[in-house]
Amino acid sequence: MKLSEKRIITLVAAFALVFGVYPVANAMHIMEGYLPVQYCIVWGVVCLPFLVRGYFSIKKVVSQNRKSITLFAMVGAYIFIISSLKIPSVTGSCSHMTGTGLGAILFGPTAVSILGLIVLIFQAILLAHGGLTTLGANTFSMAIAGPLVSYGIYILCKKVKVNKRVGIFLAASIGDLFTYCVTSFQLAAAYPSDNGGITASFLKFLGVFAPTQIPLAIIEGILTVVIMIMLESYATSELIDIGYLKGEINNVKVK
């Protein structure tokens, strides 16, 4: 294992040791038993094609480059850690960052669906964060919808030649916010308001998450930029191998 890989793993392990056992509060993930059974089934079925595509995406990347396993592991650990940190809101709920924007930028959105699913399973079992019956709904919001938006924004910023760091920031932060928009819709669809229906309920749920989620999304955007700078400095060859630095190879010193 290269020195740069050891540094990355050591850094992630340090974060996990310090923050991984953060006390569990009423997390943003939809909790066990909260959604009606039919909604749990529907969201689970909706996730299936994305998960299948994600499996083949990861399989292809790993078969082409075995070293990519290190980056997959790092991204998975990052998602687990950062999405386990709950920040209490003045509204009585809790919010947290998602961490999936980083994986979407590196590997594409479908691969993150598998990483996110694994993270959500461990969080549900070990941290009582989310739930097994609501796994489909939580997977769709955090591991599918959010990464798709993050990836789309990142690609769009590249095409219109937005500064690379700005593009990464926008992708991570907006993807984070979109995750909460989808969660709000999922809750509103299951529990529409008596006055105003799904729309009124959707706005109410957004209002519950917004006070803490907006600043958290900004923080996640900044953190993602910092991590990408570190990866480009210490894991340049690995990023080239997975195609992230495609078109920039001549401008990058391989370490």
C-alpha atoms as a PDB file:
ATOM      1  CA  MET A   1       0.000   0.000   0.000  1.00  0.00           C
ATOM      2  CA  LYS A   2       1.315   3.422  -0.952  1.00  0.00           C
ATOM      3  CA  LEU A   3       2.079   6.086   1.646  1.00  0.00           C
ATOM      4  CA  SER A   4      -0.653   8.321   0.217  1.00  0.00           C
ATOM      5  CA  GLU A   5      -3.230   5.536   0.639  1.00  0.00           C
ATOM      6  CA  LYS A   6      -2.124   4.956   4.229  1.00  0.00           C
ATOM      7  CA  ARG A   7      -2.533   8.664   4.969  1.00  0.00           C
ATOM      8  CA  ILE A   8      -6.087   8.661   3.596  1.00  0.00           C
ATOM      9  CA  ILE A   9      -7.096   5.562   5.563  1.00  0.00           C
ATOM     10  CA  THR A  10      -5.505   6.920   8.750  1.00  0.00           C
ATOM     11  CA  LEU A  11      -7.376  10.210   8.372  1.00  0.00           C
ATOM     12  CA  VAL A  12     -10.726   8.495   7.844  1.00  0.00           C
ATOM     13  CA  ALA A  13     -10.099   6.153  10.777  1.00  0.00           C
ATOM     14  CA  ALA A  14      -9.305   9.128  13.013  1.00  0.00           C
ATOM     15  CA  PHE A  15     -12.586  10.829  12.107  1.00  0.00           C
ATOM     16  CA  ALA A  16     -14.456   7.575  12.721  1.00  0.00           C
ATOM     17  CA  LEU A  17     -12.872   7.146  16.143  1.00  0.00           C
ATOM     18  CA  VAL A  18     -13.663  10.678  17.236  1.00  0.00           C
ATOM     19  CA  PHE A  19     -17.120  11.151  15.737  1.00  0.00           C
ATOM     20  CA  GLY A  20     -18.460   7.733  14.774  1.00  0.00           C
ATOM     21  CA  VAL A  21     -20.158   7.123  18.116  1.00  0.00           C
ATOM     22  CA  TYR A  22     -21.837  10.506  18.349  1.00  0.00           C
ATOM     23  CA  PRO A  23     -25.017  10.189  20.445  1.00  0.00           C
ATOM     24  CA  VAL A  24     -28.082   9.339  18.386  1.00  0.00           C
ATOM     25  CA  ALA A  25     -30.972  11.774  18.550  1.00  0.00           C
ATOM     26  CA  ASN A  26     -34.115  12.030  16.432  1.00  0.00           C
ATOM     27  CA  ALA A  27     -32.300  11.759  13.126  1.00  0.00           C
ATOM     28  CA  MET A  28     -33.429  13.103   9.767  1.00  0.00           C
ATOM     29  CA  HIS A  29     -33.606   9.582   8.274  1.00  0.00           C
ATOM     30  CA  ILE A  30     -37.223   8.460   8.327  1.00  0.00           C
ATOM     31  CA  MET A  31     -37.403   6.292  11.422  1.00  0.00           C
ATOM     32  CA  GLU A  32     -38.466   2.678  11.733  1.00  0.00           C
ATOM     33  CA  GLY A  33     -42.205   2.118  11.387  1.00  0.00           C
ATOM     34  CA  TYR A  34     -43.029   5.733  10.536  1.00  0.00           C
ATOM     35  CA  LEU A  35     -44.145   5.191   6.942  1.00  0.00           C
ATOM     36  CA  PRO A  36     -47.219   3.105   6.029  1.00  0.00           C
ATOM     37  CA  VAL A  37     -46.339  -0.324   4.617  1.00  0.00           C
ATOM     38  CA  GLN A  38     -47.426   0.511   1.067  1.00  0.00           C
ATOM     39  CA  TYR A  39     -45.068   3.480   0.922  1.00  0.00           C
ATOM     40  CA  CYS A  40     -42.184   1.379   2.215  1.00  0.00           C
ATOM     41  CA  ILE A  41     -42.801  -1.122  -0.585  1.00  0.00           C
ATOM     42  CA  VAL A  42     -43.164   1.516  -3.304  1.00  0.00           C
ATOM     43  CA  TRP A  43     -39.934   3.323  -2.423  1.00  0.00           C
ATOM     44  CA  GLY A  44     -38.099   0.012  -2.162  1.00  0.00           C
ATOM     45  CA  VAL A  45     -39.241  -1.024  -5.643  1.00  0.00           C
ATOM     46  CA  VAL A  46     -38.302   2.386  -7.082  1.00  0.00           C
ATOM     47  CA  CYS A  47     -34.747   1.921  -5.766  1.00  0.00           C
ATOM     48  CA  LEU A  48     -34.175  -1.479  -7.404  1.00  0.00           C
ATOM     49  CA  PRO A  49     -33.121  -0.405 -10.940  1.00  0.00           C
ATOM     50  CA  PHE A  50     -30.711   2.172  -9.531  1.00  0.00           C
ATOM     51  CA  LEU A  51     -29.155  -0.393  -7.201  1.00  0.00           C
ATOM     52  CA  VAL A  52     -28.733  -2.922 -10.004  1.00  0.00           C
ATOM     53  CA  ARG A  53     -27.101  -0.278 -12.186  1.00  0.00           C
ATOM     54  CA  GLY A  54     -24.928   0.762  -9.257  1.00  0.00           C
ATOM     55  CA  TYR A  55     -23.740  -2.791  -8.680  1.00  0.00           C
ATOM     56  CA  PHE A  56     -22.598  -3.162 -12.290  1.00  0.00           C
ATOM     57  CA  SER A  57     -21.006   0.294 -12.181  1.00  0.00           C
ATOM     58  CA  ILE A  58     -18.875  -0.614  -9.157  1.00  0.00           C
ATOM     59  CA  LYS A  59     -18.055  -4.022 -10.610  1.00  0.00           C
ATOM     60  CA  LYS A  60     -16.804  -2.397 -13.810  1.00  0.00           C
ATOM     61  CA  VAL A  61     -14.624   0.154 -12.036  1.00  0.00           C
ATOM     62  CA  VAL A  62     -13.093  -2.432  -9.690  1.00  0.00           C
ATOM     63  CA  SER A  63     -12.437  -4.912 -12.506  1.00  0.00           C
ATOM     64  CA  GLN A  64     -10.585  -2.229 -14.452  1.00  0.00           C
ATOM     65  CA  ASN A  65      -8.621  -1.002 -11.472  1.00  0.00           C
ATOM     66  CA  ARG A  66      -8.331  -2.956  -8.219  1.00  0.00           C
ATOM     67  CA  LYS A  67      -6.830   0.064  -6.446  1.00  0.00           C
ATOM     68  CA  SER A  68     -10.188   1.802  -6.720  1.00  0.00           C
ATOM     69  CA  ILE A  69     -11.352  -0.355  -3.788  1.00  0.00           C
ATOM     70  CA  THR A  70      -9.385   1.970  -1.506  1.00  0.00           C
ATOM     71  CA  LEU A  71     -11.286   5.007  -2.752  1.00  0.00           C
ATOM     72  CA  PHE A  72     -14.628   3.179  -2.549  1.00  0.00           C
ATOM     73  CA  ALA A  73     -13.862   2.243   1.051  1.00  0.00           C
ATOM     74  CA  MET A  74     -12.846   5.787   1.892  1.00  0.00           C
ATOM     75  CA  VAL A  75     -15.994   7.276   0.361  1.00  0.00           C
ATOM     76  CA  GLY A  76     -18.186   4.713   2.118  1.00  0.00           C
ATOM     77  CA  ALA A  77     -16.565   5.485   5.476  1.00  0.00           C
ATOM     78  CA  TYR A  78     -16.931   9.208   4.833  1.00  0.00           C
ATOM     79  CA  ILE A  79     -20.656   8.863   4.066  1.00  0.00           C
ATOM     80  CA  PHE A  80     -21.183   6.750   7.179  1.00  0.00           C
ATOM     81  CA  ILE A  81     -19.373   9.177   9.473  1.00  0.00           C
ATOM     82  CA  ILE A  82     -20.701  12.445   8.165  1.00  0.00           C
ATOM     83  CA  SER A  83     -24.314  11.250   7.933  1.00  0.00           C
ATOM     84  CA  SER A  84     -24.166   9.921  11.494  1.00  0.00           C
ATOM     85  CA  LEU A  85     -23.558  13.368  12.956  1.00  0.00           C
ATOM     86  CA  LYS A  86     -26.923  14.833  13.931  1.00  0.00           C
ATOM     87  CA  ILE A  87     -27.367  18.525  14.655  1.00  0.00           C
ATOM     88  CA  PRO A  88     -30.442  19.446  16.773  1.00  0.00           C
ATOM     89  CA  SER A  89     -32.751  22.013  15.213  1.00  0.00           C
ATOM     90  CA  VAL A  90     -34.764  24.742  16.901  1.00  0.00           C
ATOM     91  CA  THR A  91     -37.815  23.091  15.332  1.00  0.00           C
ATOM     92  CA  GLY A  92     -37.343  19.973  17.459  1.00  0.00           C
ATOM     93  CA  SER A  93     -35.979  17.778  14.673  1.00  0.00           C
ATOM     94  CA  CYS A  94     -32.391  16.949  13.743  1.00  0.00           C
ATOM     95  CA  SER A  95     -30.434  17.390  10.531  1.00  0.00           C
ATOM     96  CA  HIS A  96     -27.179  16.015   9.205  1.00  0.00           C
ATOM     97  CA  MET A  97     -24.967  16.181   6.153  1.00  0.00           C
ATOM     98  CA  THR A  98     -25.182  13.338   3.636  1.00  0.00           C
ATOM     99  CA  GLY A  99     -21.654  12.986   2.228  1.00  0.00           C
ATOM    100  CA  THR A 100     -22.924  11.395  -0.986  1.00  0.00           C
ATOM    101  CA  GLY A 101     -21.896  14.296  -3.209  1.00  0.00           C
ATOM    102  CA  LEU A 102     -18.250  13.267  -2.895  1.00  0.00           C
ATOM    103  CA  GLY A 103     -18.956   9.765  -4.183  1.00  0.00           C
ATOM    104  CA  ALA A 104     -21.140  11.044  -7.018  1.00  0.00           C
ATOM    105  CA  ILE A 105     -18.358  13.336  -8.214  1.00  0.00           C
ATOM    106  CA  LEU A 106     -15.737  10.570  -8.067  1.00  0.00           C
ATOM    107  CA  PHE A 107     -17.669   7.517  -9.276  1.00  0.00           C
ATOM    108  CA  GLY A 108     -20.965   8.745 -10.685  1.00  0.00           C
ATOM    109  CA  PRO A 109     -24.410   8.684  -9.050  1.00  0.00           C
ATOM    110  CA  THR A 110     -25.400   5.033  -9.469  1.00  0.00           C
ATOM    111  CA  ALA A 111     -22.328   3.649  -7.702  1.00  0.00           C
ATOM    112  CA  VAL A 112     -23.195   5.778  -4.674  1.00  0.00           C
ATOM    113  CA  SER A 113     -26.569   4.064  -4.408  1.00  0.00           C
ATOM    114  CA  ILE A 114     -24.811   0.871  -3.299  1.00  0.00           C
ATOM    115  CA  LEU A 115     -22.516   2.693  -0.869  1.00  0.00           C
ATOM    116  CA  GLY A 116     -25.461   4.607   0.547  1.00  0.00           C
ATOM    117  CA  LEU A 117     -27.531   1.445   0.959  1.00  0.00           C
ATOM    118  CA  ILE A 118     -24.732  -0.248   2.901  1.00  0.00           C
ATOM    119  CA  VAL A 119     -24.311   2.819   5.116  1.00  0.00           C
ATOM    120  CA  LEU A 120     -28.051   3.038   5.821  1.00  0.00           C
ATOM    121  CA  ILE A 121     -28.237  -0.647   6.758  1.00  0.00           C
ATOM    122  CA  PHE A 122     -25.391  -0.299   9.253  1.00  0.00           C
ATOM    123  CA  GLN A 123     -26.848   2.906  10.680  1.00  0.00           C
ATOM    124  CA  ALA A 124     -30.278   1.326  11.098  1.00  0.00           C
ATOM    125  CA  ILE A 125     -28.887  -1.747  12.853  1.00  0.00           C
ATOM    126  CA  LEU A 126     -26.038  -0.266  14.890  1.00  0.00           C
ATOM    127  CA  LEU A 127     -27.153   3.316  15.574  1.00  0.00           C
ATOM    128  CA  ALA A 128     -30.955   3.109  15.406  1.00  0.00           C
ATOM    129  CA  HIS A 129     -30.642   5.805  12.757  1.00  0.00           C
ATOM    130  CA  GLY A 130     -33.406   5.333  10.205  1.00  0.00           C
ATOM    131  CA  GLY A 131     -34.924   1.869   9.956  1.00  0.00           C
ATOM    132  CA  LEU A 132     -35.164  -1.329   7.960  1.00  0.00           C
ATOM    133  CA  THR A 133     -38.790  -0.839   6.934  1.00  0.00           C
ATOM    134  CA  THR A 134     -37.985   2.689   5.737  1.00  0.00           C
ATOM    135  CA  LEU A 135     -34.739   1.619   4.073  1.00  0.00           C
ATOM    136  CA  GLY A 136     -36.152   2.076   0.570  1.00  0.00           C
ATOM    137  CA  ALA A 137     -37.355   5.621   1.213  1.00  0.00           C
ATOM    138  CA  ASN A 138     -34.108   6.652   2.905  1.00  0.00           C
ATOM    139  CA  THR A 139     -32.025   5.029   0.178  1.00  0.00           C
ATOM    140  CA  PHE A 140     -33.905   6.870  -2.538  1.00  0.00           C
ATOM    141  CA  SER A 141     -33.572  10.290  -0.907  1.00  0.00           C
ATOM    142  CA  MET A 142     -29.975  10.108   0.333  1.00  0.00           C
ATOM    143  CA  ALA A 143     -28.297   7.563  -1.939  1.00  0.00           C
ATOM    144  CA  ILE A 144     -30.115   8.077  -5.257  1.00  0.00           C
ATOM    145  CA  ALA A 145     -31.858  11.444  -5.639  1.00  0.00           C
ATOM    146  CA  GLY A 146     -29.190  13.531  -3.897  1.00  0.00           C
ATOM    147  CA  PRO A 147     -26.239  11.973  -5.789  1.00  0.00           C
ATOM    148  CA  LEU A 148     -28.055  12.309  -9.133  1.00  0.00           C
ATOM    149  CA  VAL A 149     -28.479  16.040  -8.554  1.00  0.00           C
ATOM    150  CA  SER A 150     -24.897  16.412  -7.306  1.00  0.00           C
ATOM    151  CA  TYR A 151     -23.524  14.650 -10.373  1.00  0.00           C
ATOM    152  CA  GLY A 152     -25.745  16.620 -12.742  1.00  0.00           C
ATOM    153  CA  ILE A 153     -24.668  19.942 -11.262  1.00  0.00           C
ATOM    154  CA  TYR A 154     -20.999  18.944 -11.320  1.00  0.00           C
ATOM    155  CA  ILE A 155     -21.163  17.947 -15.006  1.00  0.00           C
ATOM    156  CA  LEU A 156     -23.123  21.095 -15.869  1.00  0.00           C
ATOM    157  CA  CYS A 157     -20.555  23.298 -14.144  1.00  0.00           C
ATOM    158  CA  LYS A 158     -17.772  21.575 -16.086  1.00  0.00           C
ATOM    159  CA  LYS A 159     -19.542  22.148 -19.408  1.00  0.00           C
ATOM    160  CA  VAL A 160     -20.140  25.840 -18.761  1.00  0.00           C
ATOM    161  CA  LYS A 161     -16.544  26.146 -17.478  1.00  0.00           C
ATOM    162  CA  VAL A 162     -17.387  27.164 -13.924  1.00  0.00           C
ATOM    163  CA  ASN A 163     -14.370  27.157 -11.608  1.00  0.00           C
ATOM    164  CA  LYS A 164     -13.732  23.552 -10.601  1.00  0.00           C
ATOM    165  CA  ARG A 165     -13.806  24.238  -6.847  1.00  0.00           C
ATOM    166  CA  VAL A 166     -17.015  26.208  -7.173  1.00  0.00           C
ATOM    167  CA  GLY A 167     -18.554  23.372  -9.169  1.00  0.00           C
ATOM    168  CA  ILE A 168     -17.655  20.834  -6.490  1.00  0.00           C
ATOM    169  CA  PHE A 169     -19.069  23.100  -3.777  1.00  0.00           C
ATOM    170  CA  LEU A 170     -22.351  23.620  -5.631  1.00  0.00           C
ATOM    171  CA  ALA A 171     -22.689  19.919  -6.441  1.00  0.00           C
ATOM    172  CA  ALA A 172     -22.211  18.775  -2.846  1.00  0.00           C
ATOM    173  CA  SER A 173     -24.276  21.489  -1.176  1.00  0.00           C
ATOM    174  CA  ILE A 174     -27.246  21.459  -3.576  1.00  0.00           C
ATOM    175  CA  GLY A 175     -27.284  17.653  -3.636  1.00  0.00           C
ATOM    176  CA  ASP A 176     -27.476  17.725   0.153  1.00  0.00           C
ATOM    177  CA  LEU A 177     -30.402  20.149   0.100  1.00  0.00           C
ATOM    178  CA  PHE A 178     -32.215  18.149  -2.563  1.00  0.00           C
ATOM    179  CA  THR A 179     -32.014  15.059  -0.367  1.00  0.00           C
ATOM    180  CA  TYR A 180     -34.037  16.893   2.253  1.00  0.00           C
ATOM    181  CA  CYS A 181     -36.509  18.117  -0.338  1.00  0.00           C
ATOM    182  CA  VAL A 182     -37.133  14.514  -1.392  1.00  0.00           C
ATOM    183  CA  THR A 183     -37.470  13.392   2.235  1.00  0.00           C
ATOM    184  CA  SER A 184     -39.980  16.183   2.836  1.00  0.00           C
ATOM    185  CA  PHE A 185     -41.970  15.018  -0.179  1.00  0.00           C
ATOM    186  CA  GLN A 186     -41.896  11.407   1.007  1.00  0.00           C
ATOM    187  CA  LEU A 187     -43.248  12.419   4.393  1.00  0.00           C
ATOM    188  CA  ALA A 188     -45.833  14.769   2.867  1.00  0.00           C
ATOM    189  CA  ALA A 189     -47.088  12.077   0.492  1.00  0.00           C
ATOM    190  CA  ALA A 190     -47.575   9.682   3.381  1.00  0.00           C
ATOM    191  CA  TYR A 191     -49.100  12.284   5.691  1.00  0.00           C
ATOM    192  CA  PRO A 192     -50.845  15.023   3.682  1.00  0.00           C
ATOM    193  CA  SER A 193     -52.200  17.989   5.592  1.00  0.00           C
ATOM    194  CA  ASP A 194     -55.940  18.218   6.210  1.00  0.00           C
ATOM    195  CA  ASN A 195     -55.750  21.798   4.969  1.00  0.00           C
ATOM    196  CA  GLY A 196     -53.711  22.056   1.792  1.00  0.00           C
ATOM    197  CA  GLY A 197     -52.923  18.402   1.162  1.00  0.00           C
ATOM    198  CA  ILE A 198     -49.477  17.239   0.108  1.00  0.00           C
ATOM    199  CA  THR A 199     -48.271  20.731  -0.864  1.00  0.00           C
ATOM    200  CA  ALA A 200     -48.987  22.242   2.535  1.00  0.00           C
ATOM    201  CA  SER A 201     -47.469  19.260   4.310  1.00  0.00           C
ATOM    202  CA  PHE A 202     -44.398  19.395   2.050  1.00  0.00           C
ATOM    203  CA  LEU A 203     -43.805  23.051   2.924  1.00  0.00           C
ATOM    204  CA  LYS A 204     -44.194  22.313   6.622  1.00  0.00           C
ATOM    205  CA  PHE A 205     -41.617  19.525   6.536  1.00  0.00           C
ATOM    206  CA  LEU A 206     -39.222  21.742   4.584  1.00  0.00           C
ATOM    207  CA  GLY A 207     -39.642  24.384   7.259  1.00  0.00           C
ATOM    208  CA  VAL A 208     -38.734  21.855   9.938  1.00  0.00           C
ATOM    209  CA  PHE A 209     -35.428  20.910   8.273  1.00  0.00           C
ATOM    210  CA  ALA A 210     -34.390  24.256   6.760  1.00  0.00           C
ATOM    211  CA  PRO A 211     -33.009  26.110   9.833  1.00  0.00           C
ATOM    212  CA  THR A 212     -30.175  23.614  10.293  1.00  0.00           C
ATOM    213  CA  GLN A 213     -29.957  22.009   6.857  1.00  0.00           C
ATOM    214  CA  ILE A 214     -29.084  25.128   4.870  1.00  0.00           C
ATOM    215  CA  PRO A 215     -25.945  25.930   6.912  1.00  0.00           C
ATOM    216  CA  LEU A 216     -25.062  22.217   7.012  1.00  0.00           C
ATOM    217  CA  ALA A 217     -25.284  22.037   3.220  1.00  0.00           C
ATOM    218  CA  ILE A 218     -22.870  24.959   2.952  1.00  0.00           C
ATOM    219  CA  ILE A 219     -20.485  23.253   5.363  1.00  0.00           C
ATOM    220  CA  GLU A 220     -20.700  20.011   3.399  1.00  0.00           C
ATOM    221  CA  GLY A 221     -19.903  21.865   0.189  1.00  0.00           C
ATOM    222  CA  ILE A 222     -16.796  23.404   1.733  1.00  0.00           C
ATOM    223  CA  LEU A 223     -15.729  20.105   3.304  1.00  0.00           C
ATOM    224  CA  THR A 224     -16.107  18.291  -0.007  1.00  0.00           C
ATOM    225  CA  VAL A 225     -13.890  20.851  -1.726  1.00  0.00           C
ATOM    226  CA  VAL A 226     -11.227  20.425   0.969  1.00  0.00           C
ATOM    227  CA  ILE A 227     -11.313  16.621   0.653  1.00  0.00           C
ATOM    228  CA  MET A 228     -11.035  16.803  -3.132  1.00  0.00           C
ATOM    229  CA  ILE A 229      -8.004  19.073  -2.809  1.00  0.00           C
ATOM    230  CA  MET A 230      -6.419  16.528  -0.450  1.00  0.00           C
ATOM    231  CA  LEU A 231      -7.164  13.651  -2.816  1.00  0.00           C
ATOM    232  CA  GLU A 232      -5.695  15.525  -5.767  1.00  0.00           C
ATOM    233  CA  SER A 233      -2.571  16.172  -3.693  1.00  0.00           C
ATOM    234  CA  TYR A 234      -2.040  12.708  -2.190  1.00  0.00           C
ATOM    235  CA  ALA A 235      -3.945  10.284  -4.432  1.00  0.00           C
ATOM    236  CA  THR A 236      -3.436  11.742  -7.889  1.00  0.00           C
ATOM    237  CA  SER A 237      -2.634   8.454  -9.609  1.00  0.00           C
ATOM    238  CA  GLU A 238      -5.732   6.809  -8.113  1.00  0.00           C
ATOM    239  CA  LEU A 239      -7.936   9.639  -9.362  1.00  0.00           C
ATOM    240  CA  ILE A 240      -6.429   9.307 -12.822  1.00  0.00           C
ATOM    241  CA  ASP A 241      -7.063   5.557 -12.795  1.00  0.00           C
ATOM    242  CA  ILE A 242     -10.787   5.971 -12.067  1.00  0.00           C
ATOM    243  CA  GLY A 243     -11.081   8.674 -14.746  1.00  0.00           C
ATOM    244  CA  TYR A 244     -11.771  11.627 -12.453  1.00  0.00           C
ATOM    245  CA  LEU A 245      -8.815  13.619 -13.780  1.00  0.00           C
ATOM    246  CA  LYS A 246      -9.456  12.666 -17.399  1.00  0.00           C
ATOM    247  CA  GLY A 247      -8.368  15.550 -19.610  1.00  0.00           C
ATOM    248  CA  GLU A 248      -6.222  17.003 -16.852  1.00  0.00           C
ATOM    249  CA  ILE A 249      -3.451  14.421 -16.791  1.00  0.00           C
ATOM    250  CA  ASN A 250      -0.970  16.662 -18.555  1.00  0.00           C
ATOM    251  CA  ASN A 251      -1.536  19.344 -15.971  1.00  0.00           C
ATOM    252  CA  VAL A 252      -1.150  17.098 -12.958  1.00  0.00           C
ATOM    253  CA  LYS A 253       2.013  15.716 -11.415  1.00  0.00           C
ATOM    254  CA  VAL A 254       1.425  12.040 -10.707  1.00  0.00           C
ATOM    255  CA  LYS A 255       2.494  11.012  -7.206  1.00  0.00           C
END
